[in-house]
Protein backbone atom coordinates (compact mmCIF):
# COMPACT_ATOMS: atom_id res chain seq x y z
CA UNK A 1 116.08 109.26 101.85
CA UNK A 2 112.49 108.80 100.72
CA UNK A 3 109.81 106.84 102.58
CA UNK A 4 106.65 105.77 100.80
CA UNK A 5 103.51 105.58 102.92
CA UNK A 6 100.29 104.05 101.56
CA UNK A 7 97.24 104.89 103.70
CA UNK A 8 93.95 103.05 103.23
CA UNK A 9 91.17 105.12 104.75
CA UNK A 10 87.42 105.77 104.61
CA UNK A 11 85.89 109.20 105.23
CA UNK A 12 83.11 107.47 107.19
CA UNK A 13 85.61 106.04 109.70
CA UNK A 14 86.21 108.08 112.89
CA UNK A 15 89.35 106.12 113.71
CA UNK A 16 90.78 107.10 110.31
CA UNK A 17 90.52 110.77 111.28
CA UNK A 18 92.03 110.12 114.70
CA UNK A 19 94.75 107.97 113.13
CA UNK A 20 95.49 110.73 110.63
CA UNK A 21 96.07 113.18 113.48
CA UNK A 22 98.32 110.78 115.37
CA UNK A 23 100.30 110.14 112.19
CA UNK A 24 100.68 113.91 111.65
CA UNK A 25 101.87 114.33 115.24
CA UNK A 26 104.47 111.63 114.61
CA UNK A 27 105.62 113.34 111.41
CA UNK A 28 106.07 116.63 113.22
CA UNK A 29 108.08 114.96 115.96
CA UNK A 30 110.22 113.03 113.49
CA UNK A 31 111.10 115.96 111.25
CA UNK A 32 110.70 113.66 108.25
CA UNK A 33 107.58 115.21 106.71
CA UNK A 34 109.45 116.49 103.64
CA UNK A 35 110.94 113.06 103.00
CA UNK A 36 107.68 111.13 102.88
CA UNK A 37 105.80 110.17 99.73
CA UNK A 38 102.22 109.74 100.99
CA UNK A 39 99.53 108.00 98.95
CA UNK A 40 95.91 107.93 100.12
CA UNK A 41 94.08 104.76 99.17
CA UNK A 42 90.33 104.21 98.96
CA UNK A 43 88.51 101.81 101.29
CA UNK A 44 84.81 101.43 102.05
CA UNK A 45 83.62 100.02 105.35
CA UNK A 46 80.13 99.53 103.92
CA UNK A 47 80.18 99.71 100.11
CA UNK A 48 76.61 98.44 99.82
CA UNK A 49 75.09 101.17 101.99
CA UNK A 50 72.22 103.02 100.32
CA UNK A 51 69.73 105.49 101.72
CA UNK A 52 67.09 107.68 100.13
CA UNK A 53 67.17 110.03 103.10
CA UNK A 54 69.83 111.08 105.66
CA UNK A 55 70.52 108.49 108.37
CA UNK A 56 71.90 109.55 111.74
CA UNK A 57 74.97 107.68 112.90
CA UNK A 58 73.36 106.46 116.16
CA UNK A 59 70.46 104.91 114.25
CA UNK A 60 72.73 103.42 111.59
CA UNK A 61 74.96 101.53 114.03
CA UNK A 62 71.99 100.49 116.16
CA UNK A 63 70.43 98.96 113.05
CA UNK A 64 73.55 97.36 111.53
CA UNK A 65 75.05 96.04 114.76
CA UNK A 66 71.89 95.38 116.74
CA UNK A 67 72.82 97.92 119.42
CA UNK A 68 70.38 99.99 121.42
CA UNK A 69 70.43 103.72 120.71
CA UNK A 70 71.71 104.31 124.24
CA UNK A 71 74.62 101.91 123.81
CA UNK A 72 75.42 103.45 120.43
CA UNK A 73 75.60 106.87 122.10
CA UNK A 74 77.92 105.53 124.80
CA UNK A 75 80.28 104.06 122.21
CA UNK A 76 80.38 107.33 120.31
CA UNK A 77 81.02 109.30 123.48
CA UNK A 78 84.12 107.16 123.98
CA UNK A 79 85.23 107.81 120.39
CA UNK A 80 84.62 111.54 120.87
CA UNK A 81 86.89 111.46 123.92
CA UNK A 82 89.61 109.80 121.86
CA UNK A 83 89.20 112.47 119.19
CA UNK A 84 89.38 115.28 121.74
CA UNK A 85 92.74 113.94 122.96
CA UNK A 86 94.23 114.85 119.54
CA UNK A 87 92.41 118.16 119.19
CA UNK A 88 89.35 117.05 117.21
CA UNK A 89 85.79 117.94 118.17
CA UNK A 90 83.42 115.25 116.92
CA UNK A 91 79.70 115.99 116.79
CA UNK A 92 77.95 112.66 116.35
CA UNK A 93 74.59 114.28 117.12
CA UNK A 94 74.81 115.89 113.68
CA UNK A 95 76.75 113.24 111.74
CA UNK A 96 74.98 111.82 108.68
CA UNK A 97 75.88 108.40 107.30
CA UNK A 98 76.45 108.27 103.54
CA UNK A 99 77.92 105.96 100.95
CA UNK A 100 81.50 107.18 100.54
CA UNK A 101 82.13 106.01 96.97
CA UNK A 102 81.67 109.44 95.37
CA UNK A 103 83.84 111.08 98.02
CA UNK A 104 86.54 108.53 97.22
CA UNK A 105 86.23 109.26 93.50
CA UNK A 106 86.74 112.93 94.28
CA UNK A 107 89.77 112.10 96.40
CA UNK A 108 91.22 110.13 93.50
CA UNK A 109 90.89 113.21 91.31
CA UNK A 110 92.43 115.36 94.07
CA UNK A 111 95.47 113.06 94.07
CA UNK A 112 96.16 113.98 90.45
CA UNK A 113 96.44 117.68 91.37
CA UNK A 114 98.25 117.22 94.71
CA UNK A 115 95.20 118.20 96.79
CA UNK A 116 94.35 114.83 98.36
CA UNK A 117 95.45 115.69 101.88
CA UNK A 118 93.57 119.00 101.87
CA UNK A 119 90.37 117.42 100.57
CA UNK A 120 90.67 114.42 102.87
CA UNK A 121 90.88 116.76 105.86
CA UNK A 122 87.88 118.75 104.60
CA UNK A 123 85.79 115.60 104.17
CA UNK A 124 86.63 114.29 107.64
CA UNK A 125 85.84 117.66 109.23
CA UNK A 126 82.60 117.98 107.28
CA UNK A 127 81.32 114.57 108.33
CA UNK A 128 82.50 114.24 111.91
CA UNK A 129 82.53 117.84 113.09
CA UNK A 130 79.97 119.74 111.02
CA UNK A 131 77.34 117.11 110.24
CA UNK A 132 77.55 117.66 106.48
CA UNK A 133 76.24 114.92 104.19
CA UNK A 134 79.37 113.93 102.24
CA UNK A 135 77.29 111.80 99.90
CA UNK A 136 75.54 114.88 98.51
CA UNK A 137 77.11 116.12 95.28
CA UNK A 138 76.46 119.78 96.00
CA UNK A 139 78.20 119.46 99.35
CA UNK A 140 81.07 117.57 97.73
CA UNK A 141 81.43 120.33 95.14
CA UNK A 142 81.51 122.97 97.86
CA UNK A 143 84.15 121.08 99.83
CA UNK A 144 86.20 120.53 96.68
CA UNK A 145 86.19 124.23 95.80
CA UNK A 146 87.16 125.11 99.36
CA UNK A 147 90.06 122.67 99.00
CA UNK A 148 91.33 124.40 95.87
CA UNK A 149 90.00 122.00 93.23
CA UNK A 150 88.79 123.19 89.84
CA UNK A 151 85.02 123.67 89.69
CA UNK A 152 84.54 122.42 86.13
CA UNK A 153 86.74 119.35 86.59
CA UNK A 154 85.08 118.53 89.91
CA UNK A 155 81.62 118.78 88.37
CA UNK A 156 82.68 116.44 85.58
CA UNK A 157 84.10 113.90 88.03
CA UNK A 158 80.89 113.84 90.05
CA UNK A 159 78.59 113.73 87.02
CA UNK A 160 80.44 111.20 84.87
CA UNK A 161 81.54 108.60 87.41
CA UNK A 162 85.19 109.37 86.70
CA UNK A 163 87.87 107.67 88.83
CA UNK A 164 85.53 104.83 89.80
CA UNK A 165 88.06 102.33 88.47
CA UNK A 166 90.81 103.86 90.63
CA UNK A 167 88.64 103.46 93.73
CA UNK A 168 87.91 99.83 92.88
CA UNK A 169 91.60 99.19 92.23
CA UNK A 170 92.57 100.46 95.69
CA UNK A 171 89.94 98.28 97.35
CA UNK A 172 91.05 95.27 95.31
CA UNK A 173 94.63 95.86 96.42
CA UNK A 174 93.43 96.02 100.03
CA UNK A 175 91.75 92.63 99.64
CA UNK A 176 94.93 91.15 98.17
CA UNK A 177 96.89 92.42 101.19
CA UNK A 178 94.29 91.04 103.61
CA UNK A 179 93.28 94.48 104.85
CA UNK A 180 89.89 94.17 106.54
CA UNK A 181 89.77 97.41 108.52
CA UNK A 182 91.02 100.97 108.39
CA UNK A 183 93.04 103.05 108.91
CA UNK A 184 95.87 100.94 107.54
CA UNK A 185 99.33 102.42 107.00
CA UNK A 186 101.95 100.62 104.93
CA UNK A 187 105.51 101.98 105.07
CA UNK A 188 107.78 101.20 102.11
CA UNK A 189 105.53 98.24 101.25
CA UNK A 190 106.99 96.45 104.28
CA UNK A 191 106.03 97.82 107.71
CA UNK A 192 102.33 97.99 108.59
CA UNK A 193 100.44 99.95 111.22
CA UNK A 194 96.78 99.12 111.63
CA UNK A 195 94.31 101.32 113.50
CA UNK A 196 94.41 104.72 115.17
CA UNK A 197 97.67 104.01 116.94
CA UNK A 198 99.59 106.41 119.18
CA UNK A 199 102.25 108.64 117.57
CA UNK A 200 104.96 106.46 119.11
CA UNK A 201 103.85 103.52 116.97
CA UNK A 202 104.20 105.56 113.79
CA UNK A 203 107.57 106.87 114.92
CA UNK A 204 108.70 103.28 115.41
CA UNK A 205 107.61 102.37 111.88
CA UNK A 206 109.45 105.38 110.46
CA UNK A 207 112.58 104.44 112.39
CA UNK A 208 112.42 100.91 110.96
CA UNK A 209 112.36 102.42 107.46
CA UNK A 210 115.36 104.59 108.27
CA UNK A 211 117.29 101.66 109.75
CA UNK A 212 116.45 99.44 106.76
CA UNK A 213 117.64 102.06 104.28
CA UNK A 214 120.81 102.70 106.29
CA UNK A 215 121.69 99.00 106.09
CA UNK A 216 121.27 98.84 102.30
CA UNK A 217 124.36 98.86 100.06
CA UNK A 218 125.29 102.37 98.94
CA UNK A 219 124.63 101.65 95.25
CA UNK A 220 121.07 100.54 96.00
CA UNK A 221 120.38 103.51 98.27
CA UNK A 222 121.45 105.87 95.53
CA UNK A 223 119.46 104.10 92.85
CA UNK A 224 122.59 103.14 90.87
CA UNK A 225 121.28 101.22 87.86
CA UNK A 226 124.65 100.75 86.11
CA UNK A 227 125.57 97.19 85.14
């Protein structure tokens, strides 16, 4: 049995990191981790964001949503509490908002060498826990090397705009599917989970995949292509 899981995510999204943890908890409980074919997909919450200097997350959301700084802090305290419930320590006092396009290009490269999950985790931790600017190429290079990526190839990706088309393709696919927010998990192109849901929700989606495959004719399950 093999279950394909497409995950649209943005490294600037705190709920994507929380959702990732809940999904991992579900995988551990299910015992199906070795049977999943996971594909990370690019998504940008704010693709037009540009800044010549670092912007703190409280200021950014106060400006874009019209919130007061105090209300922005209260919202982020709530998100931090959610993160803590799954073992994550968010530090929004340090978090720097950046355009995530280059990080997504790097993730697309990481997919080709089976390092996407490692790099994705490093990017989330860097942004939400360490306050690292993940739009800075030197920081991206450092995170890539720490994740086991090749230095020369990584430098070329960052310098030459490689994998930009792959990022755009993922976002185009998201639009076709009507995906307007992340995280978004799609199981076997059929069962969707949207948001940082509890592990039980992911377990339910996995069980639906198992039940659907169990009800398929044996020839189809085994991939019998004989006429």
